[in-house]
Each structure stands twice: as structure tokens, then as C-alpha cells.
């Protein structure tokens, strides 16, 4: 009986050794697969962090340029509002009418001097050099 027990113990040890090797191989494969998956996830997280940092830097630059443009536009709007107030007053409207539109007020005479004739002396020379036909009397 003691021999039978020893034989069964030996058989159990022999039968468990290949089974334990199979389980060790399976668990080793699972661990290596999981490490590859984890490495892939870490690489993805790293690339995502780098992309997010670069996007935030570019967005901050865009925001700063847009705020400068907005501030310039607000300053220009203020200047234009002041110009509207200045031009909408009666004395400025009269000045515009007198200078640009050549209008005169009540009891005023407007004299316009045409500078085009003084600037074109070539017209007079062309008139002098024209040849006239002489008519012969027969």
C-alpha cells in the first residue's frame, strides 16, 4: 500500500508538471500582451499631452493677436465717433459746404478760379502753329 501511494504521488507530480508549464506559458503570454497594451496606452497618452500643449500655446498666441486687433478696432471706433460729433456740428457742415461743394452763404458772392487754363500753356502754342490756307484771287 505504501508503494501504491508513492506511485500515485509520483504520477500526480508528473501530470502536474506539464500542466503547470502550460499555465506558466499562458500567464507569461498574457503578461507580455498586457505590457504591450500598457506601453501602447502610455505612448498614446504622451502624444495626446504633447498635442494638447502645442494647441494651447498656439491658441494663446491667436488670442493675444485677436485682443490687439480688437483694441485697435475699439480705438478706431472711438475716433470715428468723435469725428461724427465734429462733422455733425453746424460750423463744420458750413465749412464742408464752402470748401468741397463750392457753396456760398447768404449775401456772399463766390468767385471760382479755374487753374486748368493756367496749367496748360501747350494749348495756346498749338493754336499759333496751325496753318491756314490762303485763298487765291483769280
C-alpha atoms as a PDB file:
ATOM      1  CA  UNK A   1       0.000   0.000   0.000  1.00  0.00           C
ATOM      2  CA  UNK A   2       2.734   2.345   0.772  1.00  0.00           C
ATOM      3  CA  UNK A   3       4.152   1.623  -2.625  1.00  0.00           C
ATOM      4  CA  UNK A   4       0.831   2.405  -4.281  1.00  0.00           C
ATOM      5  CA  UNK A   5       0.663   5.720  -2.558  1.00  0.00           C
ATOM      6  CA  UNK A   6       4.178   6.569  -3.671  1.00  0.00           C
ATOM      7  CA  UNK A   7       3.353   5.661  -7.244  1.00  0.00           C
ATOM      8  CA  UNK A   8       0.208   7.767  -7.225  1.00  0.00           C
ATOM      9  CA  UNK A   9       2.171  10.682  -5.753  1.00  0.00           C
ATOM     10  CA  UNK A  10       4.790  10.318  -8.486  1.00  0.00           C
ATOM     11  CA  UNK A  11       2.114  10.143 -11.160  1.00  0.00           C
ATOM     12  CA  UNK A  12       0.436  13.232  -9.766  1.00  0.00           C
ATOM     13  CA  UNK A  13       3.725  15.143  -9.779  1.00  0.00           C
ATOM     14  CA  UNK A  14       4.453  14.098 -13.378  1.00  0.00           C
ATOM     15  CA  UNK A  15       0.960  15.004 -14.519  1.00  0.00           C
ATOM     16  CA  UNK A  16       1.052  18.401 -12.723  1.00  0.00           C
ATOM     17  CA  UNK A  17       4.432  19.421 -14.172  1.00  0.00           C
ATOM     18  CA  UNK A  18       3.230  19.677 -17.811  1.00  0.00           C
ATOM     19  CA  UNK A  19       0.015  21.337 -16.687  1.00  0.00           C
ATOM     20  CA  UNK A  20       1.922  23.881 -14.623  1.00  0.00           C
ATOM     21  CA  UNK A  21       4.224  24.572 -17.578  1.00  0.00           C
ATOM     22  CA  UNK A  22       1.192  25.232 -19.782  1.00  0.00           C
ATOM     23  CA  UNK A  23      -0.294  27.601 -17.239  1.00  0.00           C
ATOM     24  CA  UNK A  24       3.059  29.336 -16.832  1.00  0.00           C
ATOM     25  CA  UNK A  25       3.308  29.757 -20.606  1.00  0.00           C
ATOM     26  CA  UNK A  26      -0.260  31.121 -20.759  1.00  0.00           C
ATOM     27  CA  UNK A  27       0.293  33.571 -17.927  1.00  0.00           C
ATOM     28  CA  UNK A  28       3.626  34.677 -19.451  1.00  0.00           C
ATOM     29  CA  UNK A  29       1.895  35.343 -22.764  1.00  0.00           C
ATOM     30  CA  UNK A  30      -0.885  37.290 -21.023  1.00  0.00           C
ATOM     31  CA  UNK A  31       1.629  39.379 -19.073  1.00  0.00           C
ATOM     32  CA  UNK A  32       3.642  40.203 -22.181  1.00  0.00           C
ATOM     33  CA  UNK A  33       0.461  41.076 -24.073  1.00  0.00           C
ATOM     34  CA  UNK A  34      -0.730  43.310 -21.225  1.00  0.00           C
ATOM     35  CA  UNK A  35       2.650  45.076 -21.060  1.00  0.00           C
ATOM     36  CA  UNK A  36       2.461  45.777 -24.793  1.00  0.00           C
ATOM     37  CA  UNK A  37      -1.060  47.143 -24.421  1.00  0.00           C
ATOM     38  CA  UNK A  38       0.017  49.316 -21.490  1.00  0.00           C
ATOM     39  CA  UNK A  39       3.044  50.618 -23.413  1.00  0.00           C
ATOM     40  CA  UNK A  40       0.787  51.478 -26.335  1.00  0.00           C
ATOM     41  CA  UNK A  41      -1.579  53.331 -23.987  1.00  0.00           C
ATOM     42  CA  UNK A  42       1.323  55.249 -22.442  1.00  0.00           C
ATOM     43  CA  UNK A  43       2.576  56.264 -25.886  1.00  0.00           C
ATOM     44  CA  UNK A  44      -0.914  57.474 -26.828  1.00  0.00           C
ATOM     45  CA  UNK A  45      -1.180  59.471 -23.598  1.00  0.00           C
ATOM     46  CA  UNK A  46       2.223  61.043 -24.247  1.00  0.00           C
ATOM     47  CA  UNK A  47       1.338  62.071 -27.806  1.00  0.00           C
ATOM     48  CA  UNK A  48      -2.008  63.411 -26.628  1.00  0.00           C
ATOM     49  CA  UNK A  49      -0.325  65.516 -23.944  1.00  0.00           C
ATOM     50  CA  UNK A  50       2.198  66.923 -26.434  1.00  0.00           C
ATOM     51  CA  UNK A  51      -0.555  67.783 -28.913  1.00  0.00           C
ATOM     52  CA  UNK A  52      -2.663  69.462 -26.232  1.00  0.00           C
ATOM     53  CA  UNK A  53       0.264  71.549 -25.024  1.00  0.00           C
ATOM     54  CA  UNK A  54       1.110  72.678 -28.563  1.00  0.00           C
ATOM     55  CA  UNK A  55      -2.541  73.558 -29.241  1.00  0.00           C
ATOM     56  CA  UNK A  56      -2.808  75.610 -26.059  1.00  0.00           C
ATOM     57  CA  UNK A  57       0.343  77.530 -26.994  1.00  0.00           C
ATOM     58  CA  UNK A  58      -0.975  78.284 -30.489  1.00  0.00           C
ATOM     59  CA  UNK A  59      -4.392  79.272 -29.117  1.00  0.00           C
ATOM     60  CA  UNK A  60      -2.789  81.661 -26.628  1.00  0.00           C
ATOM     61  CA  UNK A  61      -0.871  83.300 -29.481  1.00  0.00           C
ATOM     62  CA  UNK A  62      -4.061  83.630 -31.520  1.00  0.00           C
ATOM     63  CA  UNK A  63      -5.912  85.091 -28.542  1.00  0.00           C
ATOM     64  CA  UNK A  64      -3.213  87.705 -27.990  1.00  0.00           C
ATOM     65  CA  UNK A  65      -3.266  88.797 -31.642  1.00  0.00           C
ATOM     66  CA  UNK A  66      -7.053  88.954 -31.659  1.00  0.00           C
ATOM     67  CA  UNK A  67      -7.114  91.075 -28.495  1.00  0.00           C
ATOM     68  CA  UNK A  68      -4.661  93.500 -30.111  1.00  0.00           C
ATOM     69  CA  UNK A  69      -6.861  93.711 -33.199  1.00  0.00           C
ATOM     70  CA  UNK A  70      -9.944  94.232 -31.032  1.00  0.00           C
ATOM     71  CA  UNK A  71      -8.265  97.008 -29.049  1.00  0.00           C
ATOM     72  CA  UNK A  72      -7.202  98.752 -32.259  1.00  0.00           C
ATOM     73  CA  UNK A  73     -10.736  98.480 -33.627  1.00  0.00           C
ATOM     74  CA  UNK A  74     -12.186  99.939 -30.414  1.00  0.00           C
ATOM     75  CA  UNK A  75      -9.768 102.873 -30.589  1.00  0.00           C
ATOM     76  CA  UNK A  76     -10.680 103.472 -34.218  1.00  0.00           C
ATOM     77  CA  UNK A  77     -14.384 103.360 -33.321  1.00  0.00           C
ATOM     78  CA  UNK A  78     -13.846 105.988 -30.627  1.00  0.00           C
ATOM     79  CA  UNK A  79     -12.011 108.235 -33.096  1.00  0.00           C
ATOM     80  CA  UNK A  80     -14.769 107.807 -35.671  1.00  0.00           C
ATOM     81  CA  UNK A  81     -17.432 108.669 -33.075  1.00  0.00           C
ATOM     82  CA  UNK A  82     -15.538 111.848 -32.257  1.00  0.00           C
ATOM     83  CA  UNK A  83     -15.290 112.677 -35.979  1.00  0.00           C
ATOM     84  CA  UNK A  84     -19.040 112.184 -36.346  1.00  0.00           C
ATOM     85  CA  UNK A  85     -19.656 114.587 -33.475  1.00  0.00           C
ATOM     86  CA  UNK A  86     -17.292 117.129 -35.028  1.00  0.00           C
ATOM     87  CA  UNK A  87     -18.734 116.887 -38.528  1.00  0.00           C
ATOM     88  CA  UNK A  88     -22.334 116.937 -37.413  1.00  0.00           C
ATOM     89  CA  UNK A  89     -21.989 120.410 -35.871  1.00  0.00           C
ATOM     90  CA  UNK A  90     -23.255 123.354 -37.893  1.00  0.00           C
ATOM     91  CA  UNK A  91     -19.964 125.249 -38.334  1.00  0.00           C
ATOM     92  CA  UNK A  92     -18.186 122.171 -39.671  1.00  0.00           C
ATOM     93  CA  UNK A  93     -21.042 121.472 -42.103  1.00  0.00           C
ATOM     94  CA  UNK A  94     -20.763 125.040 -43.382  1.00  0.00           C
ATOM     95  CA  UNK A  95     -17.019 124.603 -43.839  1.00  0.00           C
ATOM     96  CA  UNK A  96     -17.531 121.421 -45.804  1.00  0.00           C
ATOM     97  CA  UNK A  97     -20.171 123.071 -47.969  1.00  0.00           C
ATOM     98  CA  UNK A  98     -17.939 126.071 -48.682  1.00  0.00           C
ATOM     99  CA  UNK A  99     -14.729 124.154 -49.410  1.00  0.00           C
ATOM    100  CA  UNK A 100     -15.813 120.940 -51.047  1.00  0.00           C
ATOM    101  CA  UNK A 101     -19.166 121.777 -52.587  1.00  0.00           C
ATOM    102  CA  UNK A 102     -18.315 125.378 -53.556  1.00  0.00           C
ATOM    103  CA  UNK A 103     -21.408 126.819 -51.947  1.00  0.00           C
ATOM    104  CA  UNK A 104     -21.849 130.340 -50.617  1.00  0.00           C
ATOM    105  CA  UNK A 105     -23.814 131.700 -47.714  1.00  0.00           C
ATOM    106  CA  UNK A 106     -26.425 134.466 -47.716  1.00  0.00           C
ATOM    107  CA  UNK A 107     -25.242 137.824 -49.060  1.00  0.00           C
ATOM    108  CA  UNK A 108     -21.967 136.273 -50.268  1.00  0.00           C
ATOM    109  CA  UNK A 109     -20.511 136.088 -53.753  1.00  0.00           C
ATOM    110  CA  UNK A 110     -18.467 133.048 -54.662  1.00  0.00           C
ATOM    111  CA  UNK A 111     -15.590 133.528 -57.108  1.00  0.00           C
ATOM    112  CA  UNK A 112     -14.061 130.394 -58.601  1.00  0.00           C
ATOM    113  CA  UNK A 113     -10.648 130.495 -60.254  1.00  0.00           C
ATOM    114  CA  UNK A 114     -10.100 127.747 -62.782  1.00  0.00           C
ATOM    115  CA  UNK A 115      -6.495 126.548 -62.623  1.00  0.00           C
ATOM    116  CA  UNK A 116      -6.770 124.281 -65.697  1.00  0.00           C
ATOM    117  CA  UNK A 117      -6.149 127.117 -68.183  1.00  0.00           C
ATOM    118  CA  UNK A 118      -3.015 128.313 -66.416  1.00  0.00           C
ATOM    119  CA  UNK A 119      -1.591 124.807 -66.236  1.00  0.00           C
ATOM    120  CA  UNK A 120      -1.987 124.024 -69.967  1.00  0.00           C
ATOM    121  CA  UNK A 121       0.094 126.579 -71.929  1.00  0.00           C
ATOM    122  CA  UNK A 122       0.584 123.949 -74.659  1.00  0.00           C
ATOM    123  CA  UNK A 123      -2.956 124.622 -75.913  1.00  0.00           C
ATOM    124  CA  UNK A 124      -2.034 128.190 -76.887  1.00  0.00           C
ATOM    125  CA  UNK A 125       1.086 127.054 -78.741  1.00  0.00           C
ATOM    126  CA  UNK A 126      -0.881 124.559 -80.788  1.00  0.00           C
ATOM    127  CA  UNK A 127      -3.298 127.266 -81.862  1.00  0.00           C
ATOM    128  CA  UNK A 128      -0.482 129.536 -83.057  1.00  0.00           C
ATOM    129  CA  UNK A 129       1.177 126.892 -85.184  1.00  0.00           C
ATOM    130  CA  UNK A 130      -1.868 125.902 -87.160  1.00  0.00           C
ATOM    131  CA  UNK A 131      -1.518 126.643 -90.856  1.00  0.00           C
ATOM    132  CA  UNK A 132      -4.345 128.399 -92.601  1.00  0.00           C
ATOM    133  CA  UNK A 133      -4.964 128.015 -96.288  1.00  0.00           C
ATOM    134  CA  UNK A 134      -4.709 131.151 -98.280  1.00  0.00           C
ATOM    135  CA  UNK A 135      -7.318 131.632-100.913  1.00  0.00           C
ATOM    136  CA  UNK A 136      -6.007 132.805-104.244  1.00  0.00           C
ATOM    137  CA  UNK A 137      -7.943 135.520-106.013  1.00  0.00           C
ATOM    138  CA  UNK A 138      -8.305 134.981-109.709  1.00  0.00           C
END
